[in-house]
N, C-alpha and C. Protein backbone atom coordinates (compact mmCIF):
# COMPACT_ATOMS: atom_id res chain seq x y z
N MET A 1 -31.38 -57.31 -37.95
CA MET A 1 -32.18 -57.87 -39.04
C MET A 1 -31.35 -58.91 -39.81
N SER A 2 -31.85 -60.13 -39.87
CA SER A 2 -31.08 -61.19 -40.52
C SER A 2 -31.14 -61.06 -42.04
N LYS A 3 -30.10 -61.57 -42.68
CA LYS A 3 -30.04 -61.51 -44.14
C LYS A 3 -30.89 -62.61 -44.75
N THR A 4 -31.44 -62.33 -45.92
CA THR A 4 -32.20 -63.34 -46.64
C THR A 4 -31.24 -64.25 -47.38
N ASN A 5 -31.75 -65.39 -47.83
CA ASN A 5 -30.91 -66.33 -48.60
C ASN A 5 -30.37 -65.67 -49.85
N ASP A 6 -31.19 -64.81 -50.47
CA ASP A 6 -30.77 -64.12 -51.68
C ASP A 6 -29.62 -63.17 -51.38
N GLN A 7 -29.68 -62.47 -50.25
CA GLN A 7 -28.61 -61.55 -49.87
C GLN A 7 -27.33 -62.31 -49.56
N ILE A 8 -27.47 -63.44 -48.89
CA ILE A 8 -26.31 -64.26 -48.56
C ILE A 8 -25.64 -64.78 -49.83
N SER A 9 -26.47 -65.24 -50.77
CA SER A 9 -25.95 -65.76 -52.04
C SER A 9 -25.27 -64.65 -52.83
N LYS A 10 -25.87 -63.48 -52.85
CA LYS A 10 -25.29 -62.35 -53.58
C LYS A 10 -23.97 -61.94 -52.95
N GLY A 11 -23.93 -61.95 -51.61
CA GLY A 11 -22.70 -61.61 -50.91
C GLY A 11 -21.58 -62.59 -51.20
N ALA A 12 -21.92 -63.87 -51.23
CA ALA A 12 -20.92 -64.90 -51.53
C ALA A 12 -20.38 -64.74 -52.94
N THR A 13 -21.27 -64.42 -53.88
CA THR A 13 -20.85 -64.20 -55.27
C THR A 13 -19.93 -63.01 -55.38
N THR A 14 -20.27 -61.95 -54.68
CA THR A 14 -19.44 -60.74 -54.70
C THR A 14 -18.05 -61.02 -54.13
N LYS A 15 -18.00 -61.73 -53.01
CA LYS A 15 -16.70 -62.07 -52.41
C LYS A 15 -15.87 -62.94 -53.35
N ALA A 16 -16.52 -63.87 -54.03
CA ALA A 16 -15.81 -64.74 -54.97
C ALA A 16 -15.24 -63.92 -56.12
N ARG A 17 -16.01 -62.96 -56.62
CA ARG A 17 -15.52 -62.11 -57.72
C ARG A 17 -14.31 -61.28 -57.26
N LEU A 18 -14.36 -60.80 -56.03
CA LEU A 18 -13.25 -60.02 -55.50
C LEU A 18 -12.01 -60.88 -55.31
N ARG A 19 -12.20 -62.11 -54.82
CA ARG A 19 -11.05 -63.01 -54.64
C ARG A 19 -10.42 -63.36 -55.98
N THR A 20 -11.26 -63.63 -56.97
CA THR A 20 -10.74 -63.97 -58.30
C THR A 20 -9.96 -62.80 -58.89
N ALA A 21 -10.53 -61.60 -58.78
CA ALA A 21 -9.85 -60.41 -59.30
C ALA A 21 -8.53 -60.19 -58.58
N ALA A 22 -8.53 -60.37 -57.26
CA ALA A 22 -7.31 -60.17 -56.47
C ALA A 22 -6.24 -61.18 -56.89
N ALA A 23 -6.64 -62.42 -57.08
CA ALA A 23 -5.68 -63.46 -57.49
C ALA A 23 -5.04 -63.11 -58.83
N GLU A 24 -5.85 -62.70 -59.77
CA GLU A 24 -5.32 -62.34 -61.09
C GLU A 24 -4.33 -61.19 -60.99
N LEU A 25 -4.67 -60.20 -60.18
CA LEU A 25 -3.81 -59.02 -60.06
C LEU A 25 -2.52 -59.32 -59.31
N ILE A 26 -2.58 -60.17 -58.28
CA ILE A 26 -1.34 -60.55 -57.58
C ILE A 26 -0.37 -61.18 -58.58
N ALA A 27 -0.90 -62.06 -59.44
CA ALA A 27 -0.06 -62.74 -60.43
C ALA A 27 0.49 -61.76 -61.46
N GLU A 28 -0.28 -60.73 -61.77
CA GLU A 28 0.13 -59.78 -62.83
C GLU A 28 1.07 -58.69 -62.34
N VAL A 29 0.77 -58.10 -61.19
CA VAL A 29 1.52 -56.92 -60.76
C VAL A 29 2.25 -57.11 -59.44
N GLY A 30 2.13 -58.27 -58.82
CA GLY A 30 2.79 -58.52 -57.55
C GLY A 30 1.93 -58.10 -56.38
N TRP A 31 2.21 -58.72 -55.23
CA TRP A 31 1.41 -58.51 -54.03
C TRP A 31 1.26 -57.03 -53.70
N ARG A 32 2.38 -56.32 -53.67
CA ARG A 32 2.37 -54.92 -53.25
C ARG A 32 1.97 -53.97 -54.37
N GLY A 33 1.76 -54.49 -55.56
CA GLY A 33 1.29 -53.65 -56.66
C GLY A 33 -0.22 -53.56 -56.73
N VAL A 34 -0.91 -54.41 -55.94
CA VAL A 34 -2.37 -54.46 -55.98
C VAL A 34 -2.96 -53.38 -55.08
N SER A 35 -3.97 -52.69 -55.58
CA SER A 35 -4.71 -51.71 -54.77
C SER A 35 -6.17 -52.10 -54.71
N THR A 36 -6.85 -51.54 -53.73
CA THR A 36 -8.29 -51.79 -53.59
C THR A 36 -9.04 -51.37 -54.84
N ARG A 37 -8.67 -50.23 -55.39
CA ARG A 37 -9.33 -49.72 -56.60
C ARG A 37 -9.13 -50.68 -57.76
N MET A 38 -7.92 -51.21 -57.91
CA MET A 38 -7.64 -52.14 -59.00
C MET A 38 -8.51 -53.39 -58.89
N VAL A 39 -8.64 -53.92 -57.67
CA VAL A 39 -9.45 -55.12 -57.48
C VAL A 39 -10.90 -54.84 -57.83
N ALA A 40 -11.42 -53.73 -57.33
CA ALA A 40 -12.82 -53.37 -57.60
C ALA A 40 -13.06 -53.20 -59.10
N ASP A 41 -12.14 -52.51 -59.77
CA ASP A 41 -12.29 -52.30 -61.21
C ASP A 41 -12.25 -53.62 -61.96
N ARG A 42 -11.32 -54.51 -61.59
CA ARG A 42 -11.21 -55.79 -62.27
C ARG A 42 -12.46 -56.64 -62.06
N ALA A 43 -13.02 -56.55 -60.86
CA ALA A 43 -14.23 -57.33 -60.55
C ALA A 43 -15.50 -56.67 -61.06
N GLY A 44 -15.39 -55.41 -61.52
CA GLY A 44 -16.58 -54.70 -61.99
C GLY A 44 -17.52 -54.32 -60.86
N LEU A 45 -16.92 -53.98 -59.70
CA LEU A 45 -17.71 -53.67 -58.51
C LEU A 45 -17.28 -52.33 -57.92
N ARG A 46 -18.11 -51.81 -57.03
CA ARG A 46 -17.78 -50.57 -56.34
C ARG A 46 -16.68 -50.81 -55.31
N VAL A 47 -15.80 -49.83 -55.13
CA VAL A 47 -14.71 -49.96 -54.17
C VAL A 47 -15.25 -50.24 -52.77
N GLY A 48 -16.37 -49.62 -52.43
CA GLY A 48 -16.94 -49.80 -51.11
C GLY A 48 -17.23 -51.25 -50.77
N LEU A 49 -17.49 -52.06 -51.79
CA LEU A 49 -17.79 -53.47 -51.54
C LEU A 49 -16.56 -54.24 -51.06
N VAL A 50 -15.39 -53.79 -51.47
CA VAL A 50 -14.16 -54.43 -50.99
C VAL A 50 -14.07 -54.24 -49.48
N HIS A 51 -14.28 -53.01 -49.04
CA HIS A 51 -14.19 -52.71 -47.61
C HIS A 51 -15.34 -53.34 -46.82
N TYR A 52 -16.47 -53.51 -47.46
CA TYR A 52 -17.62 -54.13 -46.79
C TYR A 52 -17.38 -55.61 -46.50
N HIS A 53 -16.76 -56.30 -47.47
CA HIS A 53 -16.59 -57.76 -47.35
C HIS A 53 -15.27 -58.18 -46.72
N PHE A 54 -14.28 -57.30 -46.73
CA PHE A 54 -12.97 -57.67 -46.18
C PHE A 54 -12.45 -56.58 -45.25
N ASP A 55 -11.84 -56.99 -44.16
CA ASP A 55 -11.35 -56.04 -43.16
C ASP A 55 -10.24 -55.15 -43.68
N SER A 56 -9.47 -55.66 -44.63
CA SER A 56 -8.34 -54.91 -45.18
C SER A 56 -7.97 -55.49 -46.53
N LEU A 57 -7.11 -54.78 -47.25
CA LEU A 57 -6.63 -55.29 -48.53
C LEU A 57 -5.82 -56.56 -48.31
N THR A 58 -5.03 -56.60 -47.24
CA THR A 58 -4.25 -57.81 -46.94
C THR A 58 -5.17 -59.01 -46.71
N ALA A 59 -6.28 -58.78 -46.00
CA ALA A 59 -7.23 -59.86 -45.75
C ALA A 59 -7.80 -60.40 -47.06
N LEU A 60 -8.07 -59.50 -47.99
CA LEU A 60 -8.58 -59.92 -49.30
C LEU A 60 -7.53 -60.71 -50.07
N LEU A 61 -6.29 -60.23 -50.07
CA LEU A 61 -5.23 -60.93 -50.80
C LEU A 61 -4.98 -62.32 -50.21
N LEU A 62 -5.03 -62.41 -48.89
CA LEU A 62 -4.88 -63.72 -48.26
C LEU A 62 -6.05 -64.64 -48.61
N ALA A 63 -7.24 -64.08 -48.68
CA ALA A 63 -8.42 -64.87 -49.06
C ALA A 63 -8.30 -65.40 -50.47
N ALA A 64 -7.56 -64.67 -51.31
CA ALA A 64 -7.35 -65.11 -52.70
C ALA A 64 -6.29 -66.20 -52.77
N VAL A 65 -5.32 -66.17 -51.86
CA VAL A 65 -4.18 -67.09 -51.94
C VAL A 65 -4.36 -68.38 -51.14
N MET A 66 -5.00 -68.29 -49.98
CA MET A 66 -5.08 -69.45 -49.09
C MET A 66 -5.73 -70.68 -49.74
N PRO A 67 -6.77 -70.53 -50.55
CA PRO A 67 -7.33 -71.73 -51.21
C PRO A 67 -6.32 -72.43 -52.11
N VAL A 68 -5.40 -71.67 -52.69
CA VAL A 68 -4.36 -72.27 -53.54
C VAL A 68 -3.43 -73.13 -52.69
N LEU A 69 -3.02 -72.61 -51.53
CA LEU A 69 -2.17 -73.39 -50.63
C LEU A 69 -2.89 -74.65 -50.16
N ASP A 70 -4.14 -74.51 -49.78
CA ASP A 70 -4.91 -75.66 -49.30
C ASP A 70 -5.08 -76.71 -50.39
N SER A 71 -5.34 -76.26 -51.61
CA SER A 71 -5.53 -77.19 -52.72
C SER A 71 -4.23 -77.94 -53.04
N LEU A 72 -3.11 -77.23 -53.00
CA LEU A 72 -1.83 -77.87 -53.28
C LEU A 72 -1.50 -78.89 -52.20
N ASN A 73 -1.78 -78.56 -50.95
CA ASN A 73 -1.56 -79.51 -49.86
C ASN A 73 -2.38 -80.78 -50.06
N THR A 74 -3.63 -80.61 -50.45
CA THR A 74 -4.50 -81.77 -50.69
C THR A 74 -3.96 -82.61 -51.83
N GLU A 75 -3.46 -81.96 -52.87
CA GLU A 75 -2.91 -82.68 -54.02
C GLU A 75 -1.66 -83.47 -53.63
N VAL A 76 -0.79 -82.86 -52.82
CA VAL A 76 0.42 -83.54 -52.37
C VAL A 76 0.06 -84.73 -51.48
N GLU A 77 -0.89 -84.53 -50.58
CA GLU A 77 -1.32 -85.62 -49.70
C GLU A 77 -1.85 -86.80 -50.51
N ARG A 78 -2.63 -86.49 -51.53
CA ARG A 78 -3.19 -87.54 -52.39
C ARG A 78 -2.08 -88.24 -53.17
N ALA A 79 -1.11 -87.47 -53.64
CA ALA A 79 -0.02 -88.04 -54.44
C ALA A 79 0.85 -89.00 -53.62
N LEU A 80 1.03 -88.68 -52.34
CA LEU A 80 1.91 -89.49 -51.49
C LEU A 80 1.22 -90.69 -50.87
N ARG A 81 -0.11 -90.73 -50.96
CA ARG A 81 -0.88 -91.75 -50.24
C ARG A 81 -0.42 -93.16 -50.53
N ASP A 82 -0.12 -93.46 -51.80
CA ASP A 82 0.23 -94.83 -52.17
C ASP A 82 1.71 -95.01 -52.50
N ALA A 83 2.52 -93.99 -52.17
CA ALA A 83 3.96 -94.08 -52.47
C ALA A 83 4.64 -94.93 -51.41
N GLY A 84 5.19 -96.07 -51.82
CA GLY A 84 5.75 -97.01 -50.86
C GLY A 84 7.18 -96.76 -50.46
N ASP A 85 7.97 -96.07 -51.29
CA ASP A 85 9.36 -95.81 -50.93
C ASP A 85 9.73 -94.39 -51.34
N ALA A 86 10.97 -94.02 -51.06
CA ALA A 86 11.39 -92.64 -51.28
C ALA A 86 11.32 -92.24 -52.76
N GLU A 87 11.80 -93.10 -53.64
CA GLU A 87 11.79 -92.74 -55.06
C GLU A 87 10.37 -92.61 -55.58
N ALA A 88 9.49 -93.52 -55.18
CA ALA A 88 8.10 -93.44 -55.61
C ALA A 88 7.44 -92.18 -55.07
N GLY A 89 7.79 -91.82 -53.83
CA GLY A 89 7.23 -90.61 -53.24
C GLY A 89 7.68 -89.36 -53.96
N MET A 90 8.94 -89.29 -54.29
CA MET A 90 9.44 -88.11 -55.00
C MET A 90 8.88 -88.03 -56.41
N ARG A 91 8.69 -89.19 -57.05
CA ARG A 91 8.04 -89.17 -58.37
C ARG A 91 6.61 -88.65 -58.23
N ALA A 92 5.95 -89.04 -57.15
CA ALA A 92 4.57 -88.57 -56.93
C ALA A 92 4.56 -87.07 -56.71
N LEU A 93 5.55 -86.55 -55.98
CA LEU A 93 5.62 -85.11 -55.75
C LEU A 93 5.92 -84.35 -57.04
N ALA A 94 6.61 -85.00 -57.96
CA ALA A 94 6.95 -84.33 -59.22
C ALA A 94 5.71 -84.00 -60.03
N GLY A 95 4.64 -84.78 -59.86
CA GLY A 95 3.41 -84.51 -60.60
C GLY A 95 2.85 -83.13 -60.33
N PRO A 96 2.57 -82.79 -59.05
CA PRO A 96 2.10 -81.43 -58.75
C PRO A 96 3.09 -80.36 -59.17
N MET A 97 4.39 -80.66 -59.05
CA MET A 97 5.39 -79.67 -59.44
C MET A 97 5.32 -79.38 -60.93
N ASP A 98 5.21 -80.45 -61.74
CA ASP A 98 5.12 -80.26 -63.19
C ASP A 98 3.85 -79.51 -63.57
N ARG A 99 2.76 -79.84 -62.89
CA ARG A 99 1.49 -79.19 -63.19
C ARG A 99 1.58 -77.68 -63.01
N LEU A 100 2.38 -77.25 -62.05
CA LEU A 100 2.51 -75.82 -61.78
C LEU A 100 3.13 -75.06 -62.95
N HIS A 101 3.72 -75.77 -63.90
CA HIS A 101 4.36 -75.10 -65.02
C HIS A 101 3.66 -75.37 -66.35
N GLU A 102 2.67 -76.25 -66.35
CA GLU A 102 2.12 -76.70 -67.63
C GLU A 102 0.69 -76.25 -67.90
N GLU A 103 -0.04 -75.86 -66.87
CA GLU A 103 -1.43 -75.46 -67.06
C GLU A 103 -1.58 -73.98 -66.75
N ALA A 104 -2.43 -73.29 -67.51
CA ALA A 104 -2.58 -71.84 -67.34
C ALA A 104 -2.96 -71.48 -65.90
N GLN A 105 -3.96 -72.17 -65.35
CA GLN A 105 -4.38 -71.86 -63.98
C GLN A 105 -3.27 -72.19 -63.00
N ALA A 106 -2.55 -73.27 -63.26
CA ALA A 106 -1.48 -73.67 -62.36
C ALA A 106 -0.33 -72.66 -62.39
N VAL A 107 -0.06 -72.08 -63.55
CA VAL A 107 0.98 -71.06 -63.65
C VAL A 107 0.58 -69.84 -62.82
N LEU A 108 -0.69 -69.47 -62.89
CA LEU A 108 -1.18 -68.37 -62.06
C LEU A 108 -1.03 -68.72 -60.58
N ASP A 109 -1.37 -69.96 -60.22
CA ASP A 109 -1.23 -70.41 -58.84
C ASP A 109 0.22 -70.32 -58.38
N LEU A 110 1.15 -70.70 -59.25
CA LEU A 110 2.56 -70.65 -58.90
C LEU A 110 2.98 -69.21 -58.60
N ARG A 111 2.53 -68.28 -59.41
CA ARG A 111 2.88 -66.88 -59.17
C ARG A 111 2.31 -66.40 -57.84
N LEU A 112 1.11 -66.87 -57.51
CA LEU A 112 0.52 -66.51 -56.22
C LEU A 112 1.38 -67.05 -55.08
N LEU A 113 1.84 -68.28 -55.21
CA LEU A 113 2.66 -68.90 -54.16
C LEU A 113 3.97 -68.14 -53.98
N VAL A 114 4.57 -67.75 -55.08
CA VAL A 114 5.81 -66.98 -55.01
C VAL A 114 5.57 -65.64 -54.32
N GLU A 115 4.50 -64.97 -54.71
CA GLU A 115 4.20 -63.65 -54.14
C GLU A 115 3.90 -63.72 -52.65
N VAL A 116 3.09 -64.70 -52.23
CA VAL A 116 2.75 -64.77 -50.81
C VAL A 116 3.97 -65.18 -49.99
N SER A 117 4.86 -65.97 -50.57
CA SER A 117 6.08 -66.35 -49.86
C SER A 117 6.97 -65.13 -49.63
N MET A 118 7.12 -64.30 -50.65
CA MET A 118 7.93 -63.10 -50.50
C MET A 118 7.31 -62.13 -49.51
N GLU A 119 5.98 -61.99 -49.56
CA GLU A 119 5.31 -61.08 -48.64
C GLU A 119 5.39 -61.59 -47.20
N ALA A 120 5.35 -62.90 -47.03
CA ALA A 120 5.46 -63.48 -45.69
C ALA A 120 6.81 -63.14 -45.06
N ALA A 121 7.84 -62.98 -45.88
CA ALA A 121 9.16 -62.61 -45.37
C ALA A 121 9.20 -61.16 -44.93
N ARG A 122 8.23 -60.35 -45.42
CA ARG A 122 8.22 -58.92 -45.08
C ARG A 122 7.17 -58.58 -44.04
N ASP A 123 6.08 -59.32 -44.01
CA ASP A 123 4.94 -58.97 -43.16
C ASP A 123 4.64 -60.11 -42.19
N PRO A 124 4.86 -59.89 -40.90
CA PRO A 124 4.61 -60.95 -39.91
C PRO A 124 3.17 -61.45 -39.90
N ASP A 125 2.23 -60.58 -40.21
CA ASP A 125 0.82 -61.01 -40.23
C ASP A 125 0.57 -62.01 -41.35
N VAL A 126 1.18 -61.77 -42.51
CA VAL A 126 1.04 -62.70 -43.62
C VAL A 126 1.75 -64.01 -43.29
N ALA A 127 2.92 -63.91 -42.68
CA ALA A 127 3.66 -65.11 -42.29
C ALA A 127 2.82 -65.96 -41.33
N GLN A 128 2.19 -65.30 -40.37
CA GLN A 128 1.36 -66.01 -39.40
C GLN A 128 0.17 -66.68 -40.07
N ALA A 129 -0.37 -66.04 -41.10
CA ALA A 129 -1.54 -66.58 -41.79
C ALA A 129 -1.20 -67.82 -42.61
N VAL A 130 -0.02 -67.83 -43.24
CA VAL A 130 0.32 -68.95 -44.12
C VAL A 130 1.06 -70.07 -43.40
N ALA A 131 1.57 -69.80 -42.20
CA ALA A 131 2.35 -70.80 -41.47
C ALA A 131 1.61 -72.12 -41.26
N PRO A 132 0.32 -72.12 -40.91
CA PRO A 132 -0.37 -73.40 -40.72
C PRO A 132 -0.41 -74.26 -41.98
N ALA A 133 -0.56 -73.63 -43.15
CA ALA A 133 -0.58 -74.39 -44.40
C ALA A 133 0.78 -75.01 -44.67
N LEU A 134 1.84 -74.29 -44.38
CA LEU A 134 3.18 -74.83 -44.57
C LEU A 134 3.45 -75.96 -43.57
N ALA A 135 2.99 -75.77 -42.34
CA ALA A 135 3.16 -76.82 -41.33
C ALA A 135 2.41 -78.08 -41.73
N ARG A 136 1.22 -77.90 -42.30
CA ARG A 136 0.45 -79.06 -42.75
C ARG A 136 1.21 -79.81 -43.84
N ALA A 137 1.80 -79.09 -44.78
CA ALA A 137 2.56 -79.73 -45.86
C ALA A 137 3.73 -80.52 -45.30
N ARG A 138 4.46 -79.93 -44.36
CA ARG A 138 5.60 -80.64 -43.76
C ARG A 138 5.13 -81.88 -43.00
N ALA A 139 4.00 -81.76 -42.33
CA ALA A 139 3.48 -82.90 -41.57
C ALA A 139 3.09 -84.05 -42.49
N VAL A 140 2.48 -83.72 -43.63
CA VAL A 140 2.08 -84.75 -44.60
C VAL A 140 3.33 -85.47 -45.13
N ILE A 141 4.35 -84.70 -45.46
CA ILE A 141 5.58 -85.29 -45.99
C ILE A 141 6.30 -86.09 -44.91
N ALA A 142 6.32 -85.57 -43.69
CA ALA A 142 6.97 -86.30 -42.59
C ALA A 142 6.28 -87.63 -42.32
N GLU A 143 4.97 -87.64 -42.37
CA GLU A 143 4.22 -88.88 -42.15
C GLU A 143 4.55 -89.89 -43.23
N TRP A 144 4.64 -89.44 -44.47
CA TRP A 144 5.00 -90.33 -45.57
C TRP A 144 6.42 -90.86 -45.39
N LEU A 145 7.36 -90.00 -45.01
CA LEU A 145 8.74 -90.44 -44.82
C LEU A 145 8.84 -91.51 -43.75
N SER A 146 8.08 -91.34 -42.67
CA SER A 146 8.06 -92.35 -41.61
C SER A 146 7.47 -93.66 -42.12
N ARG A 147 6.37 -93.55 -42.84
CA ARG A 147 5.69 -94.74 -43.37
C ARG A 147 6.57 -95.49 -44.36
N ALA A 148 7.38 -94.74 -45.13
CA ALA A 148 8.24 -95.35 -46.14
C ALA A 148 9.56 -95.85 -45.55
N GLY A 149 9.75 -95.67 -44.24
CA GLY A 149 10.97 -96.16 -43.60
C GLY A 149 12.20 -95.32 -43.88
N CYS A 150 12.00 -94.05 -44.20
CA CYS A 150 13.13 -93.19 -44.56
C CYS A 150 13.62 -92.33 -43.39
N ALA A 151 12.95 -92.43 -42.24
CA ALA A 151 13.34 -91.61 -41.09
C ALA A 151 13.50 -92.49 -39.86
N ARG A 152 14.43 -92.10 -39.01
CA ARG A 152 14.70 -92.88 -37.80
C ARG A 152 13.59 -92.73 -36.76
N ASP A 153 13.07 -91.50 -36.65
CA ASP A 153 12.04 -91.23 -35.67
C ASP A 153 11.26 -89.99 -36.12
N ALA A 154 10.30 -89.54 -35.30
CA ALA A 154 9.46 -88.41 -35.68
C ALA A 154 10.26 -87.14 -35.88
N GLU A 155 11.26 -86.94 -35.03
CA GLU A 155 12.09 -85.73 -35.15
C GLU A 155 12.88 -85.75 -36.45
N ASP A 156 13.43 -86.89 -36.78
CA ASP A 156 14.18 -87.04 -38.03
C ASP A 156 13.26 -86.83 -39.23
N ALA A 157 12.06 -87.37 -39.15
CA ALA A 157 11.09 -87.22 -40.25
C ALA A 157 10.72 -85.76 -40.46
N ALA A 158 10.53 -85.03 -39.36
CA ALA A 158 10.17 -83.62 -39.46
C ALA A 158 11.30 -82.81 -40.10
N ALA A 159 12.54 -83.09 -39.71
CA ALA A 159 13.68 -82.37 -40.27
C ALA A 159 13.85 -82.69 -41.75
N LEU A 160 13.71 -83.98 -42.09
CA LEU A 160 13.85 -84.39 -43.48
C LEU A 160 12.72 -83.83 -44.34
N ALA A 161 11.51 -83.73 -43.78
CA ALA A 161 10.38 -83.15 -44.51
C ALA A 161 10.66 -81.69 -44.86
N ALA A 162 11.30 -80.97 -43.95
CA ALA A 162 11.64 -79.57 -44.23
C ALA A 162 12.64 -79.49 -45.38
N VAL A 163 13.59 -80.43 -45.43
CA VAL A 163 14.57 -80.46 -46.52
C VAL A 163 13.88 -80.76 -47.85
N VAL A 164 12.97 -81.74 -47.85
CA VAL A 164 12.24 -82.11 -49.07
C VAL A 164 11.43 -80.92 -49.57
N MET A 165 10.73 -80.24 -48.65
CA MET A 165 9.93 -79.08 -49.05
C MET A 165 10.80 -77.97 -49.62
N ALA A 166 11.93 -77.72 -48.96
CA ALA A 166 12.83 -76.67 -49.44
C ALA A 166 13.36 -77.00 -50.83
N ALA A 167 13.71 -78.26 -51.04
CA ALA A 167 14.20 -78.68 -52.35
C ALA A 167 13.11 -78.55 -53.41
N ALA A 168 11.90 -78.97 -53.08
CA ALA A 168 10.80 -78.88 -54.04
C ALA A 168 10.49 -77.43 -54.37
N ASP A 169 10.45 -76.58 -53.34
CA ASP A 169 10.19 -75.16 -53.58
C ASP A 169 11.28 -74.55 -54.46
N GLY A 170 12.53 -74.91 -54.17
CA GLY A 170 13.62 -74.39 -54.97
C GLY A 170 13.54 -74.81 -56.42
N LEU A 171 13.19 -76.07 -56.64
CA LEU A 171 13.05 -76.55 -58.02
C LEU A 171 11.92 -75.84 -58.75
N VAL A 172 10.84 -75.61 -58.05
CA VAL A 172 9.71 -74.88 -58.66
C VAL A 172 10.16 -73.48 -59.07
N LEU A 173 10.88 -72.80 -58.20
CA LEU A 173 11.34 -71.44 -58.51
C LEU A 173 12.34 -71.45 -59.67
N HIS A 174 13.25 -72.44 -59.68
CA HIS A 174 14.22 -72.52 -60.77
C HIS A 174 13.53 -72.81 -62.10
N ARG A 175 12.50 -73.67 -62.05
CA ARG A 175 11.75 -73.96 -63.28
C ARG A 175 11.03 -72.72 -63.78
N LEU A 176 10.58 -71.87 -62.86
CA LEU A 176 9.91 -70.64 -63.25
C LEU A 176 10.86 -69.74 -64.02
N ALA A 177 12.12 -69.68 -63.58
CA ALA A 177 13.12 -68.84 -64.24
C ALA A 177 13.74 -69.52 -65.45
N ASP A 178 13.82 -70.87 -65.40
CA ASP A 178 14.48 -71.63 -66.46
C ASP A 178 13.66 -72.87 -66.79
N PRO A 179 12.70 -72.75 -67.69
CA PRO A 179 11.82 -73.88 -68.02
C PRO A 179 12.56 -75.10 -68.55
N ALA A 180 13.80 -74.92 -68.97
CA ALA A 180 14.57 -76.04 -69.52
C ALA A 180 15.14 -76.94 -68.43
N LEU A 181 15.06 -76.52 -67.19
CA LEU A 181 15.60 -77.32 -66.09
C LEU A 181 14.91 -78.68 -66.04
N ASP A 182 15.72 -79.73 -65.93
CA ASP A 182 15.18 -81.09 -65.82
C ASP A 182 14.87 -81.38 -64.35
N ALA A 183 13.72 -80.90 -63.91
CA ALA A 183 13.32 -81.07 -62.51
C ALA A 183 13.09 -82.53 -62.18
N ALA A 184 12.61 -83.31 -63.15
CA ALA A 184 12.34 -84.73 -62.91
C ALA A 184 13.61 -85.47 -62.51
N ALA A 185 14.72 -85.15 -63.16
CA ALA A 185 15.98 -85.80 -62.84
C ALA A 185 16.44 -85.40 -61.44
N ALA A 186 16.26 -84.14 -61.09
CA ALA A 186 16.64 -83.67 -59.76
C ALA A 186 15.80 -84.33 -58.68
N VAL A 187 14.51 -84.45 -58.96
CA VAL A 187 13.60 -85.09 -58.01
C VAL A 187 13.97 -86.56 -57.82
N ALA A 188 14.27 -87.24 -58.92
CA ALA A 188 14.65 -88.65 -58.84
C ALA A 188 15.93 -88.82 -58.02
N LYS A 189 16.90 -87.91 -58.22
CA LYS A 189 18.14 -87.97 -57.46
C LYS A 189 17.88 -87.77 -55.98
N LEU A 190 17.02 -86.82 -55.65
CA LEU A 190 16.69 -86.58 -54.24
C LEU A 190 16.02 -87.81 -53.63
N GLY A 191 15.17 -88.46 -54.41
CA GLY A 191 14.52 -89.68 -53.93
C GLY A 191 15.53 -90.76 -53.61
N ARG A 192 16.56 -90.91 -54.46
CA ARG A 192 17.59 -91.93 -54.22
C ARG A 192 18.41 -91.58 -52.98
N LEU A 193 18.70 -90.29 -52.81
CA LEU A 193 19.46 -89.87 -51.62
C LEU A 193 18.67 -90.13 -50.34
N ILE A 194 17.39 -89.81 -50.38
CA ILE A 194 16.55 -90.03 -49.19
C ILE A 194 16.42 -91.52 -48.91
N GLY A 195 16.21 -92.28 -49.97
CA GLY A 195 16.07 -93.73 -49.82
C GLY A 195 17.32 -94.36 -49.23
N GLY A 196 18.49 -93.81 -49.55
CA GLY A 196 19.73 -94.34 -49.03
C GLY A 196 19.90 -94.14 -47.55
N ARG A 197 19.11 -93.23 -46.97
CA ARG A 197 19.20 -92.99 -45.53
C ARG A 197 18.49 -94.07 -44.72
N ALA A 198 17.66 -94.84 -45.39
CA ALA A 198 16.85 -95.84 -44.65
C ALA A 198 17.72 -96.85 -43.91
N GLY A 199 18.92 -97.07 -44.43
CA GLY A 199 19.78 -98.06 -43.78
C GLY A 199 20.67 -97.48 -42.69
N GLU A 200 20.56 -96.18 -42.42
CA GLU A 200 21.41 -95.56 -41.39
C GLU A 200 21.10 -96.10 -40.02
């Protein structure tokens, strides 16, 4: 028996409420601190609905986090689109990084990113789920590095993109622990270092 449009709409709303509740709880108590009961209570729904809409608690937590990764990737891609050289590109990347510390929703997103990264180091299934999003980010940065003349070839661009991502992630984590860190200065320095490689 097929579902009616009303049932489909109600199901989508329920799933959205569960994802929102899960995201809030991951940020508050950590990935492994979240339980099915906690999510249901936060969403104001029956526990059975969690199991009905998601195969597992991990599946629900990933459903809460993956849109954040996808959105950040889109923001980075947009920021780099018009960056003509290394310094301009790193300044463009600094925008999304700063946003992660200045807006309430962005701060929540940052906590989600930290939590899913730590869980990926412990759970191969989570690592497998988030790997494509990370690969997409590296590919976007590698393409920009090639376009800006900062890499010798595709292999060099891919390696350098991994370094840029690692540096950006590290700065984000340091800013989380120490808001006084001048990330903009660090980003500008990295841009100058990368730009200096163009003549190699």
